[in-house]
Amino acid sequence: MPQHPTSKQNLSPPSRRFSVAPMMDWTDRHCRYFLRLLSSQALLYTEMVTTGAILHGDRQRFLRYDECEHPIALQLGGSNPADLAACAQLAEAHGYDEVNLNVGCPSDRVQNNMIGACLMGHPQLVADCVKAMQDAVSIPVTVKHRIGINGRDSYAELCEFVGTVREAGCTSFTVHARIAILEGLSPKENREVPPLRYEVAAQLKQDFPELEIVLNGGIKTLEECQQHLQTFDGVMLGREAYHNPYLLAQVDQQLFGQEAPTISRAETLARMRPYIERHLAEGGAMHHITRHVLGLAQGFPGARRFRQLLSVDVHKTQEPLKLLDQAIELLGDR
């Protein structure tokens, strides 16, 4: 991986007007390569990577990406300021455009390591983490969080959290407009059971007008994105961007005002072919990549056969690229 030295003088921060959320087991480098074909402007996030995995594990595996993925942000999970600072330095050295601290994941596994949403109960610790990271790098340091956690879900406590982290120098907050319930709900349930409260995030933007506030949670269409951009500085899509990725094909035109022609579904998959060939040549399996493109066929006849080719038949064939070509043909001119 080439090194990309940066300085405060030459930084061009990525636009957060539209971004795809960090999603565990989903937004790996193969997924991001695919999504980048659909939108040149969307800010893409890695899966959350813990500081321990980077500092003590297979660093190159966790930090690897393709140059075409820019703009790209690394999301970190951790609560030790020194470890987070060290990982932020590695992110900058590897050319990431932003480093983001996860203060929103509600799973028991991360809570036990003081990672994720439980940190909302420790605003000063989050501030210390942010300051350590900002002191270590020139790229933007941002925070993604909930509007609260059970037992600490008042608006005053949310303002205390944001205000404390702001004092440490953070100017960009991505707000998942639900509280996190730290006991009794799975991560999936925590994305669905606590009600969405966009009005709380909107009040936060009103009370902290100088901060960049990006809205996350439950957004499904570009029309909704445009509506929310009347209030917020940016929008972040998660599951919808993964399950219905072709909506990203309109992002550059509708949300960034670009006039580039829209890429077709078939052309998108065809442009994945050389990337897949390289992966196969390195000893990888095609399903590592094609599992991320299954939503490309959503919404028209042939979608079921498309999914079968790339998620079932792919495990049974000695000629995976032939199946890929069949899948491209199924997409036709769509």
Protein backbone atom coordinates (compact mmCIF):
# COMPACT_ATOMS: atom_id res chain seq x y z
CA MET A 1 0.00 0.00 0.00
CA PRO A 2 1.52 3.35 -0.96
CA GLN A 3 1.95 5.97 1.70
CA HIS A 4 0.04 9.23 1.38
CA PRO A 5 1.60 11.93 3.54
CA THR A 6 -0.80 14.71 4.35
CA SER A 7 -0.61 18.09 6.02
CA LYS A 8 -3.06 20.59 7.37
CA GLN A 9 -2.22 22.83 4.39
CA ASN A 10 -3.21 20.41 1.63
CA LEU A 11 -6.20 18.66 3.16
CA SER A 12 -9.44 18.58 1.21
CA PRO A 13 -11.98 17.05 3.61
CA PRO A 14 -14.45 14.61 2.03
CA SER A 15 -18.02 15.74 1.55
CA ARG A 16 -20.41 14.07 3.97
CA ARG A 17 -23.49 15.19 2.04
CA PHE A 18 -24.13 11.52 1.25
CA SER A 19 -22.40 8.53 2.79
CA VAL A 20 -22.86 4.79 3.16
CA ALA A 21 -22.78 3.63 6.77
CA PRO A 22 -20.14 1.34 8.26
CA MET A 23 -21.80 -2.08 8.50
CA MET A 24 -20.19 -5.10 10.13
CA ASP A 25 -19.66 -8.04 7.77
CA TRP A 26 -20.96 -5.97 4.87
CA THR A 27 -18.92 -2.88 3.97
CA ASP A 28 -15.69 -4.70 3.34
CA ARG A 29 -13.32 -3.66 0.52
CA HIS A 30 -15.17 -5.73 -2.09
CA CYS A 31 -18.48 -4.10 -1.22
CA ARG A 32 -16.92 -0.64 -1.32
CA TYR A 33 -15.34 -1.26 -4.73
CA PHE A 34 -18.77 -2.23 -6.05
CA LEU A 35 -20.53 0.79 -4.53
CA ARG A 36 -17.90 3.14 -5.91
CA LEU A 37 -18.82 2.07 -9.45
CA LEU A 38 -22.31 3.42 -8.80
CA SER A 39 -21.32 6.75 -7.24
CA SER A 40 -18.08 8.69 -7.49
CA GLN A 41 -19.10 11.12 -4.75
CA ALA A 42 -20.55 9.03 -1.90
CA LEU A 43 -18.30 8.84 1.15
CA LEU A 44 -17.72 5.16 1.94
CA TYR A 45 -16.96 3.79 5.41
CA THR A 46 -15.16 0.62 6.36
CA GLU A 47 -16.65 -1.86 8.74
CA MET A 48 -15.82 -0.98 12.33
CA VAL A 49 -12.30 -2.20 13.09
CA THR A 50 -11.16 -2.42 16.70
CA THR A 51 -7.89 -0.87 17.76
CA GLY A 52 -6.72 -4.27 18.99
CA ALA A 53 -7.27 -5.83 15.57
CA ILE A 54 -5.13 -3.19 13.91
CA LEU A 55 -2.38 -2.96 16.52
CA HIS A 56 -2.08 -6.68 17.25
CA GLY A 57 -3.67 -8.46 14.28
CA ASP A 58 -3.29 -8.61 10.51
CA ARG A 59 -2.91 -4.87 9.93
CA GLN A 60 -2.75 -5.04 6.15
CA ARG A 61 -5.92 -7.09 5.98
CA PHE A 62 -7.87 -4.55 8.01
CA LEU A 63 -6.48 -1.44 6.32
CA ARG A 64 -6.34 -2.65 2.71
CA TYR A 65 -8.46 -0.95 0.09
CA ASP A 66 -8.39 -0.12 -3.60
CA GLU A 67 -7.40 3.40 -4.63
CA CYS A 68 -10.70 3.85 -6.47
CA GLU A 69 -12.55 3.71 -3.15
CA HIS A 70 -11.74 7.34 -2.28
CA PRO A 71 -13.26 9.18 -0.55
CA ILE A 72 -13.04 6.55 2.18
CA ALA A 73 -13.19 6.71 5.98
CA LEU A 74 -11.89 4.20 8.51
CA GLN A 75 -14.23 3.57 11.43
CA LEU A 76 -12.49 2.61 14.66
CA GLY A 77 -13.83 0.88 17.74
CA GLY A 78 -12.00 1.52 20.98
CA SER A 79 -11.79 3.67 24.09
CA ASN A 80 -8.07 3.92 24.85
CA PRO A 81 -6.89 7.35 23.66
CA ALA A 82 -3.31 6.24 22.98
CA ASP A 83 -4.41 3.18 20.99
CA LEU A 84 -6.91 5.22 18.99
CA ALA A 85 -4.26 7.84 18.25
CA ALA A 86 -1.87 5.14 17.01
CA CYS A 87 -4.57 3.67 14.76
CA ALA A 88 -5.52 7.11 13.46
CA GLN A 89 -1.88 7.64 12.47
CA LEU A 90 -1.91 4.33 10.60
CA ALA A 91 -5.14 5.35 8.86
CA GLU A 92 -3.56 8.59 7.73
CA ALA A 93 -0.39 6.82 6.58
CA HIS A 94 -2.50 4.44 4.50
CA GLY A 95 -4.25 7.34 2.81
CA TYR A 96 -7.68 7.28 4.44
CA ASP A 97 -9.61 10.52 4.05
CA GLU A 98 -11.21 10.45 7.51
CA VAL A 99 -11.17 8.47 10.72
CA ASN A 100 -14.41 7.93 12.61
CA LEU A 101 -14.99 6.81 16.20
CA ASN A 102 -17.84 4.36 16.78
CA VAL A 103 -20.06 5.49 19.66
CA GLY A 104 -23.18 3.76 18.37
CA CYS A 105 -22.75 -0.02 18.23
CA PRO A 106 -24.94 -1.62 20.94
CA SER A 107 -23.75 -5.25 20.89
CA ASP A 108 -22.82 -6.99 24.14
CA ARG A 109 -19.48 -8.04 22.70
CA VAL A 110 -18.27 -4.50 22.14
CA GLN A 111 -19.79 -3.17 25.36
CA ASN A 112 -17.62 -5.56 27.33
CA ASN A 113 -14.59 -3.89 25.78
CA MET A 114 -15.90 -0.35 26.28
CA ILE A 115 -16.58 0.14 22.59
CA GLY A 116 -19.59 1.61 20.86
CA ALA A 117 -22.82 3.04 22.26
CA CYS A 118 -21.91 2.46 25.91
CA LEU A 119 -19.38 5.29 25.50
CA MET A 120 -22.27 7.75 25.39
CA GLY A 121 -22.32 7.31 29.16
CA HIS A 122 -18.71 8.60 29.28
CA PRO A 123 -18.61 11.90 27.37
CA GLN A 124 -15.26 13.00 28.78
CA LEU A 125 -13.61 9.73 27.79
CA VAL A 126 -14.90 10.17 24.24
CA ALA A 127 -13.57 13.72 24.27
CA ASP A 128 -10.17 12.47 25.44
CA CYS A 129 -10.16 9.89 22.64
CA VAL A 130 -11.07 12.47 20.02
CA LYS A 131 -8.43 14.91 21.23
CA ALA A 132 -5.73 12.23 21.18
CA MET A 133 -6.67 11.29 17.63
CA GLN A 134 -6.83 14.88 16.43
CA ASP A 135 -3.46 15.65 17.97
CA ALA A 136 -1.99 12.68 16.08
CA VAL A 137 -3.31 13.32 12.56
CA SER A 138 -4.28 16.00 10.06
CA ILE A 139 -7.22 14.15 8.49
CA PRO A 140 -10.70 14.80 9.93
CA VAL A 141 -11.71 12.94 13.08
CA THR A 142 -15.46 12.40 13.34
CA VAL A 143 -17.88 10.64 15.68
CA LYS A 144 -20.91 8.45 14.94
CA HIS A 145 -23.34 8.07 17.84
CA ARG A 146 -26.93 7.49 18.93
CA ILE A 147 -29.25 10.10 20.42
CA GLY A 148 -28.88 8.35 23.76
CA ILE A 149 -28.73 5.06 25.62
CA ASN A 150 -31.22 3.59 28.06
CA GLY A 151 -30.81 5.36 31.38
CA ARG A 152 -29.18 8.30 29.67
CA ASP A 153 -31.62 9.31 26.99
CA SER A 154 -32.69 12.87 27.81
CA TYR A 155 -32.03 15.67 25.37
CA ALA A 156 -29.98 17.47 28.01
CA GLU A 157 -27.67 14.46 28.29
CA LEU A 158 -27.34 14.30 24.51
CA CYS A 159 -26.34 17.96 24.48
CA GLU A 160 -23.85 17.31 27.26
CA PHE A 161 -22.29 14.53 25.19
CA VAL A 162 -22.07 16.55 21.98
CA GLY A 163 -20.91 19.68 23.78
CA THR A 164 -18.16 17.84 25.64
CA VAL A 165 -16.85 16.18 22.48
CA ARG A 166 -17.10 19.46 20.60
CA GLU A 167 -14.87 21.10 23.20
CA ALA A 168 -12.24 18.48 22.35
CA GLY A 169 -12.26 19.75 18.77
CA CYS A 170 -14.72 17.48 16.95
CA THR A 171 -16.82 19.39 14.44
CA SER A 172 -18.64 16.56 12.61
CA PHE A 173 -21.17 14.22 14.21
CA THR A 174 -23.17 11.51 12.47
CA VAL A 175 -26.34 10.96 14.49
CA HIS A 176 -28.26 7.69 14.34
CA ALA A 177 -31.64 9.07 15.41
CA ARG A 178 -32.51 6.26 17.83
CA ILE A 179 -31.43 5.50 21.34
CA ALA A 180 -29.54 2.27 21.92
CA ILE A 181 -30.87 -0.17 24.49
CA LEU A 182 -27.81 -1.82 25.95
CA GLU A 183 -29.48 -4.80 27.59
CA GLY A 184 -32.03 -7.20 26.16
CA LEU A 185 -31.98 -6.24 22.47
CA SER A 186 -29.81 -7.64 19.72
CA PRO A 187 -27.94 -5.25 17.39
CA LYS A 188 -30.60 -5.94 14.74
CA GLU A 189 -33.41 -5.14 17.18
CA ASN A 190 -31.56 -1.97 18.17
CA ARG A 191 -31.86 -0.83 14.56
CA GLU A 192 -35.62 -1.43 14.54
CA VAL A 193 -37.23 -1.37 18.00
CA PRO A 194 -36.25 2.02 19.45
CA PRO A 195 -38.30 4.59 17.52
CA LEU A 196 -36.68 6.97 15.09
CA ARG A 197 -36.69 10.53 16.40
CA TYR A 198 -35.52 12.78 13.62
CA GLU A 199 -36.84 15.77 15.52
CA VAL A 200 -34.22 15.22 18.24
CA ALA A 201 -31.41 15.26 15.68
CA ALA A 202 -32.95 18.36 14.09
CA GLN A 203 -33.02 20.12 17.45
CA LEU A 204 -29.36 19.20 17.89
CA LYS A 205 -28.52 20.89 14.59
CA GLN A 206 -30.51 23.94 15.64
CA ASP A 207 -28.74 24.17 19.01
CA PHE A 208 -25.27 23.46 17.57
CA PRO A 209 -25.46 25.31 14.21
CA GLU A 210 -21.69 25.52 13.91
CA LEU A 211 -21.34 21.72 13.87
CA GLU A 212 -21.72 19.43 10.87
CA ILE A 213 -24.63 17.11 11.69
CA VAL A 214 -25.19 14.09 9.44
CA LEU A 215 -28.46 12.17 9.84
CA ASN A 216 -28.53 8.36 9.92
CA GLY A 217 -31.32 5.87 10.54
CA GLY A 218 -34.25 4.58 8.50
CA ILE A 219 -33.64 6.60 5.34
CA LYS A 220 -34.70 4.63 2.26
CA THR A 221 -34.98 6.91 -0.79
CA LEU A 222 -33.12 9.78 -2.43
CA GLU A 223 -36.30 11.82 -2.11
CA GLU A 224 -36.07 11.41 1.65
CA CYS A 225 -32.39 12.34 1.45
CA GLN A 226 -33.23 15.57 -0.34
CA GLN A 227 -35.87 16.38 2.25
CA HIS A 228 -33.49 15.77 5.16
CA LEU A 229 -30.77 17.85 3.50
CA GLN A 230 -33.03 20.86 4.04
CA THR A 231 -32.27 20.43 7.77
CA PHE A 232 -29.01 18.50 8.02
CA ASP A 233 -25.56 18.85 6.51
CA GLY A 234 -25.52 15.29 5.25
CA VAL A 235 -27.33 11.97 5.16
CA MET A 236 -26.01 8.46 5.73
CA LEU A 237 -27.74 5.36 4.39
CA GLY A 238 -27.12 1.91 5.81
CA ARG A 239 -29.16 -1.23 5.08
CA GLU A 240 -31.07 0.32 2.18
CA ALA A 241 -27.84 1.17 0.37
CA TYR A 242 -26.75 -2.44 0.76
CA HIS A 243 -30.00 -4.21 -0.12
CA ASN A 244 -30.92 -1.79 -2.93
CA PRO A 245 -27.52 -0.54 -4.08
CA TYR A 246 -28.66 0.71 -7.47
CA LEU A 247 -30.16 3.77 -5.81
CA LEU A 248 -26.54 5.00 -5.57
CA ALA A 249 -26.51 5.30 -9.36
CA GLN A 250 -28.58 8.49 -9.00
CA VAL A 251 -26.70 10.00 -6.06
CA ASP A 252 -24.16 11.99 -8.06
CA GLN A 253 -26.85 13.60 -10.19
CA GLN A 254 -29.59 14.13 -7.63
CA LEU A 255 -27.55 15.05 -4.55
CA PHE A 256 -24.31 16.44 -5.99
CA GLY A 257 -25.64 18.09 -9.16
CA GLN A 258 -23.36 16.23 -11.54
CA GLU A 259 -24.40 15.62 -15.14
CA ALA A 260 -22.59 12.31 -15.71
CA PRO A 261 -24.71 9.60 -17.39
CA THR A 262 -26.19 6.95 -15.11
CA ILE A 263 -24.42 3.60 -15.27
CA SER A 264 -26.71 0.65 -16.01
CA ARG A 265 -26.98 -2.38 -13.76
CA ALA A 266 -25.45 -4.62 -16.44
CA GLU A 267 -22.54 -2.25 -17.03
CA THR A 268 -21.90 -2.03 -13.30
CA LEU A 269 -21.56 -5.79 -12.98
CA ALA A 270 -19.52 -6.01 -16.19
CA ARG A 271 -17.08 -3.49 -14.74
CA MET A 272 -16.70 -5.75 -11.70
CA ARG A 273 -15.38 -8.57 -13.92
CA PRO A 274 -11.67 -7.53 -14.04
CA TYR A 275 -11.71 -6.97 -10.28
CA ILE A 276 -13.21 -10.43 -9.74
CA GLU A 277 -10.65 -11.97 -12.09
CA ARG A 278 -7.82 -10.44 -10.04
CA HIS A 279 -9.36 -11.75 -6.84
CA LEU A 280 -9.63 -15.25 -8.29
CA ALA A 281 -6.01 -15.08 -9.48
CA GLU A 282 -4.98 -14.25 -5.90
CA GLY A 283 -6.70 -17.41 -4.69
CA GLY A 284 -9.95 -15.81 -3.57
CA ALA A 285 -13.47 -17.11 -4.20
CA MET A 286 -15.99 -15.26 -6.34
CA HIS A 287 -18.69 -15.37 -3.67
CA HIS A 288 -16.49 -13.17 -1.44
CA ILE A 289 -17.41 -10.41 -3.89
CA THR A 290 -20.71 -11.43 -5.47
CA ARG A 291 -22.49 -11.72 -2.11
CA HIS A 292 -22.44 -7.93 -2.10
CA VAL A 293 -24.06 -7.43 -5.51
CA LEU A 294 -27.21 -9.53 -5.04
CA GLY A 295 -29.37 -6.43 -4.49
CA LEU A 296 -28.42 -5.12 -7.93
CA ALA A 297 -31.27 -7.16 -9.44
CA GLN A 298 -33.88 -6.02 -6.93
CA GLY A 299 -37.22 -5.11 -8.38
CA PHE A 300 -37.49 -6.77 -11.78
CA PRO A 301 -38.18 -10.23 -13.29
CA GLY A 302 -35.12 -12.45 -13.22
CA ALA A 303 -33.95 -11.26 -9.82
CA ARG A 304 -34.42 -14.67 -8.25
CA ARG A 305 -32.36 -16.41 -10.94
CA PHE A 306 -29.72 -13.68 -10.63
CA ARG A 307 -29.40 -14.29 -6.90
CA GLN A 308 -29.29 -18.06 -7.38
CA LEU A 309 -26.44 -17.80 -9.88
CA LEU A 310 -24.27 -15.65 -7.64
CA SER A 311 -25.10 -17.04 -4.21
CA VAL A 312 -25.92 -20.74 -4.74
CA ASP A 313 -24.60 -21.96 -8.09
CA VAL A 314 -21.33 -20.12 -7.54
CA HIS A 315 -20.38 -22.72 -4.89
CA LYS A 316 -20.91 -25.61 -7.30
CA THR A 317 -19.01 -24.54 -10.41
CA GLN A 318 -15.42 -24.78 -11.60
CA GLU A 319 -16.01 -21.85 -13.97
CA PRO A 320 -17.35 -18.99 -11.83
CA LEU A 321 -16.73 -16.33 -14.47
CA LYS A 322 -19.19 -18.05 -16.80
CA LEU A 323 -21.85 -17.69 -14.11
CA LEU A 324 -20.93 -14.04 -13.79
CA ASP A 325 -21.42 -13.55 -17.51
CA GLN A 326 -24.83 -15.22 -17.27
CA ALA A 327 -25.75 -12.86 -14.45
CA ILE A 328 -24.66 -9.85 -16.52
CA GLU A 329 -26.80 -11.09 -19.42
CA LEU A 330 -29.80 -11.44 -17.10
CA LEU A 331 -29.50 -7.76 -16.23
CA GLY A 332 -29.86 -6.89 -19.93
CA ASP A 333 -29.93 -3.13 -20.55
CA ARG A 334 -31.37 -2.32 -17.15
